[in-house]
C-alpha atoms as a PDB file:
ATOM      1  CA  MET A   1       0.000   0.000   0.000  1.00  0.00           C
ATOM      2  CA  LYS A   2       1.228   3.475  -0.810  1.00  0.00           C
ATOM      3  CA  LEU A   3       1.253   5.948   2.093  1.00  0.00           C
ATOM      4  CA  GLU A   4       1.792   9.668   1.785  1.00  0.00           C
ATOM      5  CA  ILE A   5       3.356  10.980   4.980  1.00  0.00           C
ATOM      6  CA  GLY A   6       3.469  14.648   5.930  1.00  0.00           C
ATOM      7  CA  GLU A   7       3.582  17.216   8.703  1.00  0.00           C
ATOM      8  CA  ILE A   8       1.271  19.988   9.854  1.00  0.00           C
ATOM      9  CA  ASP A   9       1.871  22.680  12.459  1.00  0.00           C
ATOM     10  CA  SER A  10      -0.919  23.074  14.993  1.00  0.00           C
ATOM     11  CA  PRO A  11      -1.461  25.228  18.084  1.00  0.00           C
ATOM     12  CA  LEU A  12      -0.642  22.117  20.125  1.00  0.00           C
ATOM     13  CA  GLY A  13       2.558  21.243  18.309  1.00  0.00           C
ATOM     14  CA  GLU A  14       3.717  19.443  15.196  1.00  0.00           C
ATOM     15  CA  LEU A  15       1.401  16.750  13.853  1.00  0.00           C
ATOM     16  CA  ARG A  16       2.274  13.978  11.428  1.00  0.00           C
ATOM     17  CA  PHE A  17      -0.193  12.238   9.176  1.00  0.00           C
ATOM     18  CA  ALA A  18      -0.426   9.397   6.714  1.00  0.00           C
ATOM     19  CA  ARG A  19      -2.866   9.190   3.825  1.00  0.00           C
ATOM     20  CA  SER A  20      -3.752   6.418   1.444  1.00  0.00           C
ATOM     21  CA  SER A  21      -5.789   7.170  -1.677  1.00  0.00           C
ATOM     22  CA  GLY A  22      -6.571  10.619  -0.270  1.00  0.00           C
ATOM     23  CA  ARG A  23      -7.946   9.308   3.045  1.00  0.00           C
ATOM     24  CA  VAL A  24      -6.247   9.860   6.397  1.00  0.00           C
ATOM     25  CA  VAL A  25      -5.098   6.571   7.940  1.00  0.00           C
ATOM     26  CA  GLY A  26      -2.891   8.019  10.669  1.00  0.00           C
ATOM     27  CA  LEU A  27      -2.597  11.268  12.642  1.00  0.00           C
ATOM     28  CA  ALA A  28      -0.529  11.894  15.762  1.00  0.00           C
ATOM     29  CA  PHE A  29       1.765  14.316  17.518  1.00  0.00           C
ATOM     30  CA  ALA A  30       5.276  14.082  16.097  1.00  0.00           C
ATOM     31  CA  ASP A  31       6.618  12.490  19.292  1.00  0.00           C
ATOM     32  CA  HIS A  32       3.984   9.709  19.099  1.00  0.00           C
ATOM     33  CA  TRP A  33       4.331   9.239  15.352  1.00  0.00           C
ATOM     34  CA  PRO A  34       6.881   6.387  15.419  1.00  0.00           C
ATOM     35  CA  ASP A  35       4.369   4.149  17.243  1.00  0.00           C
ATOM     36  CA  VAL A  36       1.538   5.049  14.856  1.00  0.00           C
ATOM     37  CA  GLU A  37       3.700   4.567  11.787  1.00  0.00           C
ATOM     38  CA  ARG A  38       4.995   1.215  13.075  1.00  0.00           C
ATOM     39  CA  ALA A  39       1.414   0.007  13.647  1.00  0.00           C
ATOM     40  CA  LEU A  40       0.333   1.178  10.189  1.00  0.00           C
ATOM     41  CA  ARG A  41       3.282  -0.545   8.531  1.00  0.00           C
ATOM     42  CA  ARG A  42       2.474  -3.758  10.395  1.00  0.00           C
ATOM     43  CA  ARG A  43      -1.220  -3.635   9.462  1.00  0.00           C
ATOM     44  CA  LEU A  44      -0.769  -2.511   5.865  1.00  0.00           C
ATOM     45  CA  ALA A  45       2.380  -4.363   4.806  1.00  0.00           C
ATOM     46  CA  PRO A  46       3.876  -4.038   2.357  1.00  0.00           C
ATOM     47  CA  VAL A  47       4.031  -0.250   2.588  1.00  0.00           C
ATOM     48  CA  GLU A  48       5.619   2.169   0.157  1.00  0.00           C
ATOM     49  CA  ALA A  49       6.003   5.521   1.920  1.00  0.00           C
ATOM     50  CA  CYS A  50       6.526   8.848   0.194  1.00  0.00           C
ATOM     51  CA  ALA A  51       6.310  12.506   1.146  1.00  0.00           C
ATOM     52  CA  ALA A  52       2.818  13.984   0.957  1.00  0.00           C
ATOM     53  CA  ARG A  53       2.446  16.365  -1.955  1.00  0.00           C
ATOM     54  CA  SER A  54       0.240  18.681   0.068  1.00  0.00           C
ATOM     55  CA  ALA A  55      -1.354  18.892   3.473  1.00  0.00           C
ATOM     56  CA  ALA A  56      -3.582  21.835   2.549  1.00  0.00           C
ATOM     57  CA  GLY A  57      -7.015  20.210   2.868  1.00  0.00           C
ATOM     58  CA  LEU A  58      -6.256  18.388   6.100  1.00  0.00           C
ATOM     59  CA  ALA A  59      -4.518  21.449   7.528  1.00  0.00           C
ATOM     60  CA  GLU A  60      -7.543  23.605   6.658  1.00  0.00           C
ATOM     61  CA  HIS A  61      -9.935  21.307   8.540  1.00  0.00           C
ATOM     62  CA  LEU A  62      -7.627  21.107  11.544  1.00  0.00           C
ATOM     63  CA  ARG A  63      -7.141  24.885  11.571  1.00  0.00           C
ATOM     64  CA  ALA A  64     -10.933  25.395  11.487  1.00  0.00           C
ATOM     65  CA  TYR A  65     -11.315  22.956  14.385  1.00  0.00           C
ATOM     66  CA  PHE A  66      -8.687  24.737  16.468  1.00  0.00           C
ATOM     67  CA  ASP A  67     -10.373  28.054  15.613  1.00  0.00           C
ATOM     68  CA  GLY A  68     -13.614  26.803  17.170  1.00  0.00           C
ATOM     69  CA  ASP A  69     -15.492  24.970  14.404  1.00  0.00           C
ATOM     70  CA  LEU A  70     -15.966  21.714  16.309  1.00  0.00           C
ATOM     71  CA  GLY A  71     -17.657  20.052  13.321  1.00  0.00           C
ATOM     72  CA  ALA A  72     -14.713  20.673  10.984  1.00  0.00           C
ATOM     73  CA  LEU A  73     -13.205  17.256  11.692  1.00  0.00           C
ATOM     74  CA  ASP A  74     -16.323  15.516  10.370  1.00  0.00           C
ATOM     75  CA  ALA A  75     -15.350  16.485   6.823  1.00  0.00           C
ATOM     76  CA  ILE A  76     -11.991  14.687   7.021  1.00  0.00           C
ATOM     77  CA  GLU A  77     -12.146  11.467   5.050  1.00  0.00           C
ATOM     78  CA  ILE A  78     -10.527   8.585   6.893  1.00  0.00           C
ATOM     79  CA  GLU A  79      -9.919   4.911   6.338  1.00  0.00           C
ATOM     80  CA  LEU A  80      -9.581   2.615   9.300  1.00  0.00           C
ATOM     81  CA  PHE A  81      -7.314  -0.411   9.479  1.00  0.00           C
ATOM     82  CA  GLY A  82      -7.401  -2.573  12.585  1.00  0.00           C
ATOM     83  CA  THR A  83      -8.932  -5.652  14.089  1.00  0.00           C
ATOM     84  CA  PRO A  84     -12.625  -6.316  13.449  1.00  0.00           C
ATOM     85  CA  PHE A  85     -13.391  -5.133  16.994  1.00  0.00           C
ATOM     86  CA  GLN A  86     -11.377  -1.913  16.580  1.00  0.00           C
ATOM     87  CA  ILE A  87     -13.184  -1.263  13.305  1.00  0.00           C
ATOM     88  CA  ARG A  88     -16.464  -1.373  15.277  1.00  0.00           C
ATOM     89  CA  VAL A  89     -15.205   0.870  18.106  1.00  0.00           C
ATOM     90  CA  TRP A  90     -13.476   3.626  16.149  1.00  0.00           C
ATOM     91  CA  PRO A  91     -16.532   4.666  14.069  1.00  0.00           C
ATOM     92  CA  ALA A  92     -18.580   4.700  17.298  1.00  0.00           C
ATOM     93  CA  LEU A  93     -16.000   7.093  18.742  1.00  0.00           C
ATOM     94  CA  ARG A  94     -16.275   9.281  15.689  1.00  0.00           C
ATOM     95  CA  GLU A  95     -19.990   9.665  16.432  1.00  0.00           C
ATOM     96  CA  VAL A  96     -19.221  11.128  19.895  1.00  0.00           C
ATOM     97  CA  ARG A  97     -19.979  14.829  19.650  1.00  0.00           C
ATOM     98  CA  ALA A  98     -17.809  17.507  21.207  1.00  0.00           C
ATOM     99  CA  GLY A  99     -18.861  18.244  24.769  1.00  0.00           C
ATOM    100  CA  THR A 100     -20.056  14.714  25.453  1.00  0.00           C
ATOM    101  CA  THR A 101     -18.083  12.110  27.355  1.00  0.00           C
ATOM    102  CA  PRO A 102     -19.382   8.550  27.158  1.00  0.00           C
ATOM    103  CA  SER A 103     -17.854   5.915  29.387  1.00  0.00           C
ATOM    104  CA  TYR A 104     -15.969   2.965  27.976  1.00  0.00           C
ATOM    105  CA  GLY A 105     -18.915   0.846  29.149  1.00  0.00           C
ATOM    106  CA  ALA A 106     -21.379   2.973  27.173  1.00  0.00           C
ATOM    107  CA  LEU A 107     -19.189   2.599  24.081  1.00  0.00           C
ATOM    108  CA  ALA A 108     -19.026  -1.166  24.647  1.00  0.00           C
ATOM    109  CA  ARG A 109     -22.823  -1.265  24.716  1.00  0.00           C
ATOM    110  CA  ALA A 110     -22.975   0.924  21.599  1.00  0.00           C
ATOM    111  CA  VAL A 111     -20.969  -1.674  19.663  1.00  0.00           C
ATOM    112  CA  ASP A 112     -23.089  -4.552  21.026  1.00  0.00           C
ATOM    113  CA  SER A 113     -20.330  -5.835  23.317  1.00  0.00           C
ATOM    114  CA  ALA A 114     -21.543  -4.822  26.778  1.00  0.00           C
ATOM    115  CA  SER A 115     -18.920  -6.891  28.596  1.00  0.00           C
ATOM    116  CA  ALA A 116     -16.009  -5.589  26.502  1.00  0.00           C
ATOM    117  CA  THR A 117     -15.263  -2.408  28.452  1.00  0.00           C
ATOM    118  CA  ARG A 118     -11.541  -3.158  28.695  1.00  0.00           C
ATOM    119  CA  ALA A 119     -11.377  -4.087  25.012  1.00  0.00           C
ATOM    120  CA  VAL A 120     -12.941  -0.707  24.170  1.00  0.00           C
ATOM    121  CA  GLY A 121     -10.219   0.908  26.267  1.00  0.00           C
ATOM    122  CA  ALA A 122      -7.566  -1.072  24.386  1.00  0.00           C
ATOM    123  CA  ALA A 123      -9.095  -0.025  21.043  1.00  0.00           C
ATOM    124  CA  ASN A 124      -8.991   3.590  22.244  1.00  0.00           C
ATOM    125  CA  GLY A 125      -5.324   3.214  23.051  1.00  0.00           C
ATOM    126  CA  ALA A 126      -4.620   1.806  19.586  1.00  0.00           C
ATOM    127  CA  ASN A 127      -6.501   4.575  17.737  1.00  0.00           C
ATOM    128  CA  PRO A 128      -4.249   5.640  14.838  1.00  0.00           C
ATOM    129  CA  ILE A 129      -6.150   8.822  13.923  1.00  0.00           C
ATOM    130  CA  TRP A 130      -5.921  11.011  17.003  1.00  0.00           C
ATOM    131  CA  LEU A 131      -8.406  13.874  17.297  1.00  0.00           C
ATOM    132  CA  VAL A 132     -10.428  12.921  14.188  1.00  0.00           C
ATOM    133  CA  VAL A 133     -11.424   9.691  15.936  1.00  0.00           C
ATOM    134  CA  PRO A 134     -11.906  11.354  19.340  1.00  0.00           C
ATOM    135  CA  CYS A 135     -10.745   8.682  21.768  1.00  0.00           C
ATOM    136  CA  HIS A 136      -9.972  11.483  24.235  1.00  0.00           C
ATOM    137  CA  ARG A 137     -13.716  11.978  24.815  1.00  0.00           C
ATOM    138  CA  ALA A 138     -14.206   8.531  26.380  1.00  0.00           C
ATOM    139  CA  ILE A 139     -13.916   8.348  30.160  1.00  0.00           C
ATOM    140  CA  GLY A 140     -13.915   5.769  32.895  1.00  0.00           C
ATOM    141  CA  SER A 141     -17.137   4.742  34.633  1.00  0.00           C
ATOM    142  CA  ASP A 142     -16.219   6.989  37.559  1.00  0.00           C
ATOM    143  CA  GLY A 143     -16.010  10.045  35.276  1.00  0.00           C
ATOM    144  CA  ARG A 144     -12.203  10.243  35.235  1.00  0.00           C
ATOM    145  CA  LEU A 145      -9.901  10.360  32.228  1.00  0.00           C
ATOM    146  CA  VAL A 146      -8.330   6.971  31.842  1.00  0.00           C
ATOM    147  CA  GLY A 147      -5.087   6.391  29.982  1.00  0.00           C
ATOM    148  CA  TYR A 148      -4.163  10.025  29.427  1.00  0.00           C
END
């Protein structure tokens, strides 16, 4: 699979991304990028990486988000690669609207796996498209951030 890899400056620091066929498959802070890239290479092997020609569209959506347009991330086209369970959890996370904080248990129920709270947490931790798939909105059953 061919991956375009690039960088974007954000108010929170440098971000790195990977795209395949125009869809984002990875997004992370630069210091977390090696883990994301390693996971993508493992899942998508064989991988041919090249420099992204442009980051303009993705950068525009991210800039709008950071400027207060909380729906701007919805327009970013993504493609998810993971286990069958992760592929059920990550779209459910993408449906979580800004300002809401479901528990891992609620997400487990949303993907018809009520007893899989810990597996939902593990899927959150393996999320390759930070921010666009908002794993940071999920919380523990006691209302605390878990894993951050």
